[in-house]
Amino acid sequence: MNVAGMALILYQNDIILVSMNLLIRNIPTETHQKIRERAKKNHRSLNQEILFLLDEISFQETEEERIQKRREHLLQVSKRIDDIRKQINVFATCEEIDHAKKERRV
């Protein structure tokens, strides 16, 4: 559990509050300036803005997770289509479809 930059750790039935720190080195000047401007616009300190951004990123899905969800959704749709086809039990062949199209044109 994270509480305003602190971590609660349960150790032998005791709760210990530990401050979590992160050192980031070699931040490009342009990146630093953009984050600083963003913090000012959002009425936050630089540290608060960075924490906000890290929190936002930590809840975003990865590309792999998005692909997996999409794959699962498509499989569900495909299964539903197959179920509907089984219920209908009537299919037209390509030739029957072409013949019907020609009849309507005449």
PDB file of N, CA and C in Angstrom:
ATOM      1  N   MET A   1       0.854  -1.180   0.000  1.00  0.00           N
ATOM      2  CA  MET A   1       0.000   0.000   0.000  1.00  0.00           C
ATOM      3  C   MET A   1       0.892   1.232   0.000  1.00  0.00           C
ATOM      4  N   ASN A   2       0.572   2.196  -0.841  1.00  0.00           N
ATOM      5  CA  ASN A   2       1.368   3.412  -0.946  1.00  0.00           C
ATOM      6  C   ASN A   2       0.537   4.595  -0.453  1.00  0.00           C
ATOM      7  N   VAL A   3       1.051   5.300   0.546  1.00  0.00           N
ATOM      8  CA  VAL A   3       0.341   6.444   1.114  1.00  0.00           C
ATOM      9  C   VAL A   3       1.245   7.657   0.999  1.00  0.00           C
ATOM     10  N   ALA A   4       0.957   8.519   0.021  1.00  0.00           N
ATOM     11  CA  ALA A   4       1.702   9.763  -0.173  1.00  0.00           C
ATOM     12  C   ALA A   4       3.210   9.551  -0.098  1.00  0.00           C
ATOM     13  N   GLY A   5       3.713   8.662  -0.932  1.00  0.00           N
ATOM     14  CA  GLY A   5       5.154   8.431  -0.991  1.00  0.00           C
ATOM     15  C   GLY A   5       5.685   7.557   0.128  1.00  0.00           C
ATOM     16  N   MET A   6       4.801   6.964   0.895  1.00  0.00           N
ATOM     17  CA  MET A   6       5.215   6.087   1.985  1.00  0.00           C
ATOM     18  C   MET A   6       4.699   4.682   1.696  1.00  0.00           C
ATOM     19  N   ALA A   7       5.414   3.687   2.181  1.00  0.00           N
ATOM     20  CA  ALA A   7       4.975   2.309   2.018  1.00  0.00           C
ATOM     21  C   ALA A   7       4.700   1.716   3.383  1.00  0.00           C
ATOM     22  N   LEU A   8       3.577   1.050   3.509  1.00  0.00           N
ATOM     23  CA  LEU A   8       3.242   0.358   4.746  1.00  0.00           C
ATOM     24  C   LEU A   8       3.706  -1.084   4.607  1.00  0.00           C
ATOM     25  N   ILE A   9       4.524  -1.538   5.521  1.00  0.00           N
ATOM     26  CA  ILE A   9       5.060  -2.891   5.478  1.00  0.00           C
ATOM     27  C   ILE A   9       4.637  -3.611   6.747  1.00  0.00           C
ATOM     28  N   LEU A  10       4.080  -4.808   6.583  1.00  0.00           N
ATOM     29  CA  LEU A  10       3.702  -5.618   7.729  1.00  0.00           C
ATOM     30  C   LEU A  10       4.851  -6.570   8.032  1.00  0.00           C
ATOM     31  N   TYR A  11       5.418  -6.466   9.223  1.00  0.00           N
ATOM     32  CA  TYR A  11       6.548  -7.310   9.616  1.00  0.00           C
ATOM     33  C   TYR A  11       6.312  -7.823  11.022  1.00  0.00           C
ATOM     34  N   GLN A  12       6.148  -9.106  11.175  1.00  0.00           N
ATOM     35  CA  GLN A  12       5.908  -9.752  12.467  1.00  0.00           C
ATOM     36  C   GLN A  12       4.812  -9.025  13.245  1.00  0.00           C
ATOM     37  N   ASN A  13       3.675  -8.850  12.580  1.00  0.00           N
ATOM     38  CA  ASN A  13       2.489  -8.218  13.156  1.00  0.00           C
ATOM     39  C   ASN A  13       2.671  -6.742  13.506  1.00  0.00           C
ATOM     40  N   ASP A  14       3.757  -6.131  13.084  1.00  0.00           N
ATOM     41  CA  ASP A  14       3.950  -4.696  13.267  1.00  0.00           C
ATOM     42  C   ASP A  14       3.826  -4.015  11.907  1.00  0.00           C
ATOM     43  N   ILE A  15       3.261  -2.825  11.906  1.00  0.00           N
ATOM     44  CA  ILE A  15       3.172  -2.047  10.667  1.00  0.00           C
ATOM     45  C   ILE A  15       4.292  -1.012  10.696  1.00  0.00           C
ATOM     46  N   ILE A  16       5.108  -1.036   9.665  1.00  0.00           N
ATOM     47  CA  ILE A  16       6.241  -0.121   9.578  1.00  0.00           C
ATOM     48  C   ILE A  16       5.987   0.818   8.409  1.00  0.00           C
ATOM     49  N   LEU A  17       6.129   2.101   8.630  1.00  0.00           N
ATOM     50  CA  LEU A  17       5.961   3.107   7.591  1.00  0.00           C
ATOM     51  C   LEU A  17       7.335   3.459   7.045  1.00  0.00           C
ATOM     52  N   VAL A  18       7.539   3.212   5.754  1.00  0.00           N
ATOM     53  CA  VAL A  18       8.844   3.419   5.135  1.00  0.00           C
ATOM     54  C   VAL A  18       8.702   4.406   3.986  1.00  0.00           C
ATOM     55  N   SER A  19       9.580   5.378   3.945  1.00  0.00           N
ATOM     56  CA  SER A  19       9.591   6.341   2.858  1.00  0.00           C
ATOM     57  C   SER A  19      10.274   5.714   1.653  1.00  0.00           C
ATOM     58  N   MET A  20       9.626   5.827   0.490  1.00  0.00           N
ATOM     59  CA  MET A  20      10.188   5.270  -0.732  1.00  0.00           C
ATOM     60  C   MET A  20      10.811   6.418  -1.531  1.00  0.00           C
ATOM     61  N   ASN A  21      12.087   6.307  -1.828  1.00  0.00           N
ATOM     62  CA  ASN A  21      12.793   7.339  -2.577  1.00  0.00           C
ATOM     63  C   ASN A  21      13.287   6.770  -3.888  1.00  0.00           C
ATOM     64  N   LEU A  22      13.426   7.653  -4.864  1.00  0.00           N
ATOM     65  CA  LEU A  22      13.907   7.266  -6.175  1.00  0.00           C
ATOM     66  C   LEU A  22      14.822   8.369  -6.680  1.00  0.00           C
ATOM     67  N   LEU A  23      16.003   7.990  -7.110  1.00  0.00           N
ATOM     68  CA  LEU A  23      16.957   8.946  -7.661  1.00  0.00           C
ATOM     69  C   LEU A  23      16.978   8.756  -9.176  1.00  0.00           C
ATOM     70  N   ILE A  24      16.743   9.826  -9.893  1.00  0.00           N
ATOM     71  CA  ILE A  24      16.765   9.764 -11.352  1.00  0.00           C
ATOM     72  C   ILE A  24      17.927  10.617 -11.826  1.00  0.00           C
ATOM     73  N   ARG A  25      18.802  10.011 -12.591  1.00  0.00           N
ATOM     74  CA  ARG A  25      19.993  10.728 -13.058  1.00  0.00           C
ATOM     75  C   ARG A  25      19.916  11.009 -14.556  1.00  0.00           C
ATOM     76  N   ASN A  26      20.681  11.983 -14.976  1.00  0.00           N
ATOM     77  CA  ASN A  26      20.862  12.314 -16.395  1.00  0.00           C
ATOM     78  C   ASN A  26      19.554  12.621 -17.118  1.00  0.00           C
ATOM     79  N   ILE A  27      18.695  13.398 -16.474  1.00  0.00           N
ATOM     80  CA  ILE A  27      17.463  13.819 -17.133  1.00  0.00           C
ATOM     81  C   ILE A  27      17.833  14.882 -18.161  1.00  0.00           C
ATOM     82  N   PRO A  28      17.426  14.693 -19.404  1.00  0.00           N
ATOM     83  CA  PRO A  28      17.710  15.718 -20.411  1.00  0.00           C
ATOM     84  C   PRO A  28      17.098  17.057 -20.017  1.00  0.00           C
ATOM     85  N   THR A  29      17.791  18.115 -20.298  1.00  0.00           N
ATOM     86  CA  THR A  29      17.351  19.463 -19.931  1.00  0.00           C
ATOM     87  C   THR A  29      15.956  19.763 -20.462  1.00  0.00           C
ATOM     88  N   GLU A  30      15.696  19.388 -21.695  1.00  0.00           N
ATOM     89  CA  GLU A  30      14.393  19.653 -22.310  1.00  0.00           C
ATOM     90  C   GLU A  30      13.278  18.902 -21.565  1.00  0.00           C
ATOM     91  N   THR A  31      13.533  17.661 -21.198  1.00  0.00           N
ATOM     92  CA  THR A  31      12.542  16.874 -20.456  1.00  0.00           C
ATOM     93  C   THR A  31      12.284  17.503 -19.094  1.00  0.00           C
ATOM     94  N   HIS A  32      13.332  17.885 -18.412  1.00  0.00           N
ATOM     95  CA  HIS A  32      13.207  18.526 -17.101  1.00  0.00           C
ATOM     96  C   HIS A  32      12.377  19.798 -17.205  1.00  0.00           C
ATOM     97  N   GLN A  33      12.642  20.593 -18.227  1.00  0.00           N
ATOM     98  CA  GLN A  33      11.912  21.853 -18.418  1.00  0.00           C
ATOM     99  C   GLN A  33      10.435  21.594 -18.705  1.00  0.00           C
ATOM    100  N   LYS A  34      10.137  20.579 -19.530  1.00  0.00           N
ATOM    101  CA  LYS A  34       8.740  20.264 -19.843  1.00  0.00           C
ATOM    102  C   LYS A  34       7.977  19.824 -18.597  1.00  0.00           C
ATOM    103  N   ILE A  35       8.616  19.003 -17.768  1.00  0.00           N
ATOM    104  CA  ILE A  35       7.962  18.557 -16.540  1.00  0.00           C
ATOM    105  C   ILE A  35       7.767  19.736 -15.584  1.00  0.00           C
ATOM    106  N   ARG A  36       8.758  20.604 -15.529  1.00  0.00           N
ATOM    107  CA  ARG A  36       8.668  21.797 -14.674  1.00  0.00           C
ATOM    108  C   ARG A  36       7.499  22.686 -15.133  1.00  0.00           C
ATOM    109  N   GLU A  37       7.359  22.895 -16.442  1.00  0.00           N
ATOM    110  CA  GLU A  37       6.260  23.709 -16.984  1.00  0.00           C
ATOM    111  C   GLU A  37       4.917  23.048 -16.702  1.00  0.00           C
ATOM    112  N   ARG A  38       4.876  21.738 -16.875  1.00  0.00           N
ATOM    113  CA  ARG A  38       3.645  20.988 -16.622  1.00  0.00           C
ATOM    114  C   ARG A  38       3.248  21.108 -15.149  1.00  0.00           C
ATOM    115  N   ALA A  39       4.219  21.011 -14.250  1.00  0.00           N
ATOM    116  CA  ALA A  39       3.959  21.131 -12.812  1.00  0.00           C
ATOM    117  C   ALA A  39       3.389  22.509 -12.494  1.00  0.00           C
ATOM    118  N   LYS A  40       3.978  23.530 -13.085  1.00  0.00           N
ATOM    119  CA  LYS A  40       3.512  24.896 -12.841  1.00  0.00           C
ATOM    120  C   LYS A  40       2.071  25.060 -13.325  1.00  0.00           C
ATOM    121  N   LYS A  41       1.791  24.544 -14.517  1.00  0.00           N
ATOM    122  CA  LYS A  41       0.452  24.643 -15.087  1.00  0.00           C
ATOM    123  C   LYS A  41      -0.580  23.905 -14.223  1.00  0.00           C
ATOM    124  N   ASN A  42      -0.161  22.804 -13.592  1.00  0.00           N
ATOM    125  CA  ASN A  42      -1.063  22.007 -12.758  1.00  0.00           C
ATOM    126  C   ASN A  42      -1.015  22.402 -11.279  1.00  0.00           C
ATOM    127  N   HIS A  43      -0.306  23.495 -10.991  1.00  0.00           N
ATOM    128  CA  HIS A  43      -0.199  24.001  -9.615  1.00  0.00           C
ATOM    129  C   HIS A  43       0.353  22.943  -8.659  1.00  0.00           C
ATOM    130  N   ARG A  44       1.409  22.276  -9.117  1.00  0.00           N
ATOM    131  CA  ARG A  44       2.067  21.262  -8.299  1.00  0.00           C
ATOM    132  C   ARG A  44       3.560  21.549  -8.272  1.00  0.00           C
ATOM    133  N   SER A  45       4.218  21.010  -7.262  1.00  0.00           N
ATOM    134  CA  SER A  45       5.678  21.092  -7.233  1.00  0.00           C
ATOM    135  C   SER A  45       6.224  20.113  -8.275  1.00  0.00           C
ATOM    136  N   LEU A  46       7.495  20.265  -8.579  1.00  0.00           N
ATOM    137  CA  LEU A  46       8.125  19.348  -9.529  1.00  0.00           C
ATOM    138  C   LEU A  46       8.022  17.913  -9.009  1.00  0.00           C
ATOM    139  N   ASN A  47       8.277  17.721  -7.732  1.00  0.00           N
ATOM    140  CA  ASN A  47       8.200  16.391  -7.139  1.00  0.00           C
ATOM    141  C   ASN A  47       6.777  15.828  -7.214  1.00  0.00           C
ATOM    142  N   GLN A  48       5.786  16.650  -6.894  1.00  0.00           N
ATOM    143  CA  GLN A  48       4.393  16.205  -6.961  1.00  0.00           C
ATOM    144  C   GLN A  48       3.998  15.821  -8.377  1.00  0.00           C
ATOM    145  N   GLU A  49       4.473  16.603  -9.354  1.00  0.00           N
ATOM    146  CA  GLU A  49       4.145  16.308 -10.756  1.00  0.00           C
ATOM    147  C   GLU A  49       4.760  14.983 -11.183  1.00  0.00           C
ATOM    148  N   ILE A  50       6.001  14.747 -10.809  1.00  0.00           N
ATOM    149  CA  ILE A  50       6.669  13.486 -11.159  1.00  0.00           C
ATOM    150  C   ILE A  50       5.958  12.310 -10.501  1.00  0.00           C
ATOM    151  N   LEU A  51       5.567  12.463  -9.238  1.00  0.00           N
ATOM    152  CA  LEU A  51       4.824  11.400  -8.562  1.00  0.00           C
ATOM    153  C   LEU A  51       3.491  11.141  -9.251  1.00  0.00           C
ATOM    154  N   PHE A  52       2.810  12.226  -9.655  1.00  0.00           N
ATOM    155  CA  PHE A  52       1.544  12.091 -10.372  1.00  0.00           C
ATOM    156  C   PHE A  52       1.747  11.313 -11.675  1.00  0.00           C
ATOM    157  N   LEU A  53       2.770  11.684 -12.440  1.00  0.00           N
ATOM    158  CA  LEU A  53       3.042  11.013 -13.712  1.00  0.00           C
ATOM    159  C   LEU A  53       3.398   9.541 -13.516  1.00  0.00           C
ATOM    160  N   LEU A  54       4.204   9.255 -12.509  1.00  0.00           N
ATOM    161  CA  LEU A  54       4.562   7.860 -12.229  1.00  0.00           C
ATOM    162  C   LEU A  54       3.335   7.049 -11.838  1.00  0.00           C
ATOM    163  N   ASP A  55       2.460   7.663 -11.046  1.00  0.00           N
ATOM    164  CA  ASP A  55       1.234   6.979 -10.644  1.00  0.00           C
ATOM    165  C   ASP A  55       0.349   6.701 -11.860  1.00  0.00           C
ATOM    166  N   GLU A  56       0.213   7.685 -12.747  1.00  0.00           N
ATOM    167  CA  GLU A  56      -0.575   7.514 -13.969  1.00  0.00           C
ATOM    168  C   GLU A  56      -0.030   6.367 -14.818  1.00  0.00           C
ATOM    169  N   ILE A  57       1.269   6.351 -15.007  1.00  0.00           N
ATOM    170  CA  ILE A  57       1.903   5.335 -15.845  1.00  0.00           C
ATOM    171  C   ILE A  57       1.749   3.948 -15.236  1.00  0.00           C
ATOM    172  N   SER A  58       1.821   3.858 -13.927  1.00  0.00           N
ATOM    173  CA  SER A  58       1.775   2.547 -13.284  1.00  0.00           C
ATOM    174  C   SER A  58       0.440   1.838 -13.494  1.00  0.00           C
ATOM    175  N   PHE A  59      -0.633   2.594 -13.796  1.00  0.00           N
ATOM    176  CA  PHE A  59      -1.939   1.984 -14.008  1.00  0.00           C
ATOM    177  C   PHE A  59      -2.281   1.799 -15.484  1.00  0.00           C
ATOM    178  N   GLN A  60      -1.418   2.234 -16.375  1.00  0.00           N
ATOM    179  CA  GLN A  60      -1.680   2.061 -17.795  1.00  0.00           C
ATOM    180  C   GLN A  60      -1.402   0.624 -18.215  1.00  0.00           C
ATOM    181  N   GLU A  61      -2.198   0.149 -19.160  1.00  0.00           N
ATOM    182  CA  GLU A  61      -1.972  -1.184 -19.704  1.00  0.00           C
ATOM    183  C   GLU A  61      -0.751  -1.170 -20.604  1.00  0.00           C
ATOM    184  N   THR A  62      -0.046  -2.275 -20.621  1.00  0.00           N
ATOM    185  CA  THR A  62       1.053  -2.401 -21.556  1.00  0.00           C
ATOM    186  C   THR A  62       0.475  -2.759 -22.920  1.00  0.00           C
ATOM    187  N   GLU A  63       1.277  -2.609 -23.951  1.00  0.00           N
ATOM    188  CA  GLU A  63       0.838  -2.962 -25.304  1.00  0.00           C
ATOM    189  C   GLU A  63       0.447  -4.435 -25.353  1.00  0.00           C
ATOM    190  N   GLU A  64       1.216  -5.267 -24.677  1.00  0.00           N
ATOM    191  CA  GLU A  64       0.934  -6.707 -24.644  1.00  0.00           C
ATOM    192  C   GLU A  64      -0.418  -6.989 -23.988  1.00  0.00           C
ATOM    193  N   GLU A  65      -0.728  -6.269 -22.909  1.00  0.00           N
ATOM    194  CA  GLU A  65      -2.019  -6.449 -22.237  1.00  0.00           C
ATOM    195  C   GLU A  65      -3.169  -6.005 -23.132  1.00  0.00           C
ATOM    196  N   ARG A  66      -2.980  -4.888 -23.846  1.00  0.00           N
ATOM    197  CA  ARG A  66      -4.023  -4.420 -24.767  1.00  0.00           C
ATOM    198  C   ARG A  66      -4.254  -5.433 -25.881  1.00  0.00           C
ATOM    199  N   ILE A  67      -3.177  -5.988 -26.426  1.00  0.00           N
ATOM    200  CA  ILE A  67      -3.300  -6.986 -27.492  1.00  0.00           C
ATOM    201  C   ILE A  67      -4.023  -8.224 -26.974  1.00  0.00           C
ATOM    202  N   GLN A  68      -3.671  -8.667 -25.777  1.00  0.00           N
ATOM    203  CA  GLN A  68      -4.304  -9.851 -25.192  1.00  0.00           C
ATOM    204  C   GLN A  68      -5.798  -9.628 -24.970  1.00  0.00           C
ATOM    205  N   LYS A  69      -6.169  -8.442 -24.460  1.00  0.00           N
ATOM    206  CA  LYS A  69      -7.591  -8.141 -24.256  1.00  0.00           C
ATOM    207  C   LYS A  69      -8.332  -8.122 -25.587  1.00  0.00           C
ATOM    208  N   ARG A  70      -7.702  -7.509 -26.592  1.00  0.00           N
ATOM    209  CA  ARG A  70      -8.321  -7.455 -27.929  1.00  0.00           C
ATOM    210  C   ARG A  70      -8.489  -8.849 -28.503  1.00  0.00           C
ATOM    211  N   ARG A  71      -7.478  -9.690 -28.332  1.00  0.00           N
ATOM    212  CA  ARG A  71      -7.529 -11.071 -28.818  1.00  0.00           C
ATOM    213  C   ARG A  71      -8.675 -11.825 -28.128  1.00  0.00           C
ATOM    214  N   GLU A  72      -8.802 -11.672 -26.815  1.00  0.00           N
ATOM    215  CA  GLU A  72      -9.874 -12.337 -26.075  1.00  0.00           C
ATOM    216  C   GLU A  72     -11.244 -11.851 -26.538  1.00  0.00           C
ATOM    217  N   HIS A  73     -11.344 -10.541 -26.774  1.00  0.00           N
ATOM    218  CA  HIS A  73     -12.615  -9.985 -27.256  1.00  0.00           C
ATOM    219  C   HIS A  73     -12.971 -10.564 -28.622  1.00  0.00           C
ATOM    220  N   LEU A  74     -12.003 -10.617 -29.528  1.00  0.00           N
ATOM    221  CA  LEU A  74     -12.263 -11.152 -30.861  1.00  0.00           C
ATOM    222  C   LEU A  74     -12.639 -12.631 -30.815  1.00  0.00           C
ATOM    223  N   LEU A  75     -12.031 -13.382 -29.906  1.00  0.00           N
ATOM    224  CA  LEU A  75     -12.392 -14.791 -29.752  1.00  0.00           C
ATOM    225  C   LEU A  75     -13.830 -14.933 -29.258  1.00  0.00           C
ATOM    226  N   GLN A  76     -14.238 -14.050 -28.342  1.00  0.00           N
ATOM    227  CA  GLN A  76     -15.617 -14.073 -27.851  1.00  0.00           C
ATOM    228  C   GLN A  76     -16.600 -13.750 -28.973  1.00  0.00           C
ATOM    229  N   VAL A  77     -16.263 -12.742 -29.778  1.00  0.00           N
ATOM    230  CA  VAL A  77     -17.122 -12.364 -30.900  1.00  0.00           C
ATOM    231  C   VAL A  77     -17.207 -13.510 -31.895  1.00  0.00           C
ATOM    232  N   SER A  78     -16.077 -14.119 -32.198  1.00  0.00           N
ATOM    233  CA  SER A  78     -16.047 -15.243 -33.130  1.00  0.00           C
ATOM    234  C   SER A  78     -16.894 -16.402 -32.619  1.00  0.00           C
ATOM    235  N   LYS A  79     -16.791 -16.684 -31.326  1.00  0.00           N
ATOM    236  CA  LYS A  79     -17.586 -17.769 -30.740  1.00  0.00           C
ATOM    237  C   LYS A  79     -19.070 -17.445 -30.830  1.00  0.00           C
ATOM    238  N   ARG A  80     -19.421 -16.187 -30.566  1.00  0.00           N
ATOM    239  CA  ARG A  80     -20.826 -15.766 -30.643  1.00  0.00           C
ATOM    240  C   ARG A  80     -21.359 -15.918 -32.065  1.00  0.00           C
ATOM    241  N   ILE A  81     -20.539 -15.539 -33.047  1.00  0.00           N
ATOM    242  CA  ILE A  81     -20.938 -15.697 -34.453  1.00  0.00           C
ATOM    243  C   ILE A  81     -21.155 -17.161 -34.778  1.00  0.00           C
ATOM    244  N   ASP A  82     -20.245 -18.016 -34.326  1.00  0.00           N
ATOM    245  CA  ASP A  82     -20.392 -19.459 -34.562  1.00  0.00           C
ATOM    246  C   ASP A  82     -21.672 -19.993 -33.921  1.00  0.00           C
ATOM    247  N   ASP A  83     -21.978 -19.532 -32.695  1.00  0.00           N
ATOM    248  CA  ASP A  83     -23.203 -19.965 -32.019  1.00  0.00           C
ATOM    249  C   ASP A  83     -24.445 -19.552 -32.808  1.00  0.00           C
ATOM    250  N   ILE A  84     -24.435 -18.325 -33.323  1.00  0.00           N
ATOM    251  CA  ILE A  84     -25.575 -17.843 -34.113  1.00  0.00           C
ATOM    252  C   ILE A  84     -25.713 -18.650 -35.391  1.00  0.00           C
ATOM    253  N   ARG A  85     -24.593 -18.934 -36.044  1.00  0.00           N
ATOM    254  CA  ARG A  85     -24.631 -19.742 -37.275  1.00  0.00           C
ATOM    255  C   ARG A  85     -25.210 -21.127 -37.018  1.00  0.00           C
ATOM    256  N   LYS A  86     -24.869 -21.722 -35.882  1.00  0.00           N
ATOM    257  CA  LYS A  86     -25.392 -23.048 -35.548  1.00  0.00           C
ATOM    258  C   LYS A  86     -26.896 -22.996 -35.345  1.00  0.00           C
ATOM    259  N   GLN A  87     -27.395 -21.905 -34.792  1.00  0.00           N
ATOM    260  CA  GLN A  87     -28.828 -21.759 -34.556  1.00  0.00           C
ATOM    261  C   GLN A  87     -29.597 -21.561 -35.856  1.00  0.00           C
ATOM    262  N   ILE A  88     -28.982 -20.887 -36.815  1.00  0.00           N
ATOM    263  CA  ILE A  88     -29.668 -20.576 -38.070  1.00  0.00           C
ATOM    264  C   ILE A  88     -29.776 -21.805 -38.961  1.00  0.00           C
ATOM    265  N   ASN A  89     -28.712 -22.556 -39.104  1.00  0.00           N
ATOM    266  CA  ASN A  89     -28.663 -23.775 -39.919  1.00  0.00           C
ATOM    267  C   ASN A  89     -28.992 -23.564 -41.389  1.00  0.00           C
ATOM    268  N   VAL A  90     -28.975 -22.353 -41.892  1.00  0.00           N
ATOM    269  CA  VAL A  90     -29.249 -22.092 -43.305  1.00  0.00           C
ATOM    270  C   VAL A  90     -28.153 -21.188 -43.845  1.00  0.00           C
ATOM    271  N   PHE A  91     -27.435 -21.686 -44.811  1.00  0.00           N
ATOM    272  CA  PHE A  91     -26.379 -20.898 -45.437  1.00  0.00           C
ATOM    273  C   PHE A  91     -26.557 -20.914 -46.949  1.00  0.00           C
ATOM    274  N   ALA A  92     -26.277 -19.803 -47.548  1.00  0.00           N
ATOM    275  CA  ALA A  92     -26.316 -19.725 -49.003  1.00  0.00           C
ATOM    276  C   ALA A  92     -24.905 -19.909 -49.533  1.00  0.00           C
ATOM    277  N   THR A  93     -24.801 -20.634 -50.635  1.00  0.00           N
ATOM    278  CA  THR A  93     -23.494 -20.805 -51.265  1.00  0.00           C
ATOM    279  C   THR A  93     -23.162 -19.539 -52.046  1.00  0.00           C
ATOM    280  N   CYS A  94     -21.939 -19.426 -52.476  1.00  0.00           N
ATOM    281  CA  CYS A  94     -21.514 -18.267 -53.273  1.00  0.00           C
ATOM    282  C   CYS A  94     -22.325 -18.190 -54.564  1.00  0.00           C
ATOM    283  N   GLU A  95     -22.579 -19.354 -55.150  1.00  0.00           N
ATOM    284  CA  GLU A  95     -23.355 -19.388 -56.395  1.00  0.00           C
ATOM    285  C   GLU A  95     -24.784 -18.891 -56.172  1.00  0.00           C
ATOM    286  N   GLU A  96     -25.393 -19.304 -55.061  1.00  0.00           N
ATOM    287  CA  GLU A  96     -26.748 -18.868 -54.748  1.00  0.00           C
ATOM    288  C   GLU A  96     -26.798 -17.358 -54.512  1.00  0.00           C
ATOM    289  N   ILE A  97     -25.788 -16.826 -53.877  1.00  0.00           N
ATOM    290  CA  ILE A  97     -25.724 -15.384 -53.637  1.00  0.00           C
ATOM    291  C   ILE A  97     -25.569 -14.645 -54.958  1.00  0.00           C
ATOM    292  N   ASP A  98     -24.663 -15.108 -55.830  1.00  0.00           N
ATOM    293  CA  ASP A  98     -24.480 -14.476 -57.145  1.00  0.00           C
ATOM    294  C   ASP A  98     -25.768 -14.528 -57.961  1.00  0.00           C
ATOM    295  N   HIS A  99     -26.466 -15.665 -57.935  1.00  0.00           N
ATOM    296  CA  HIS A  99     -27.722 -15.818 -58.674  1.00  0.00           C
ATOM    297  C   HIS A  99     -28.767 -14.829 -58.151  1.00  0.00           C
ATOM    298  N   ALA A 100     -28.860 -14.679 -56.828  1.00  0.00           N
ATOM    299  CA  ALA A 100     -29.833 -13.756 -56.239  1.00  0.00           C
ATOM    300  C   ALA A 100     -29.520 -12.320 -56.635  1.00  0.00           C
ATOM    301  N   LYS A 101     -28.236 -11.984 -56.669  1.00  0.00           N
ATOM    302  CA  LYS A 101     -27.838 -10.631 -57.080  1.00  0.00           C
ATOM    303  C   LYS A 101     -28.245 -10.362 -58.515  1.00  0.00           C
ATOM    304  N   LYS A 102     -28.010 -11.356 -59.402  1.00  0.00           N
ATOM    305  CA  LYS A 102     -28.348 -11.181 -60.818  1.00  0.00           C
ATOM    306  C   LYS A 102     -29.851 -11.036 -61.019  1.00  0.00           C
ATOM    307  N   GLU A 103     -30.655 -11.802 -60.282  1.00  0.00           N
ATOM    308  CA  GLU A 103     -32.105 -11.725 -60.400  1.00  0.00           C
ATOM    309  C   GLU A 103     -32.619 -10.332 -60.027  1.00  0.00           C
ATOM    310  N   ARG A 104     -32.026  -9.720 -59.024  1.00  0.00           N
ATOM    311  CA  ARG A 104     -32.482  -8.407 -58.576  1.00  0.00           C
ATOM    312  C   ARG A 104     -32.091  -7.308 -59.572  1.00  0.00           C
ATOM    313  N   ARG A 105     -31.064  -7.544 -60.350  1.00  0.00           N
ATOM    314  CA  ARG A 105     -30.634  -6.547 -61.336  1.00  0.00           C
ATOM    315  C   ARG A 105     -31.539  -6.525 -62.549  1.00  0.00           C
ATOM    316  N   VAL A 106     -32.199  -7.627 -62.839  1.00  0.00           N
ATOM    317  CA  VAL A 106     -32.997  -7.733 -64.052  1.00  0.00           C
ATOM    318  C   VAL A 106     -34.335  -7.053 -63.913  1.00  0.00           C
TER     319      VAL A 106
END
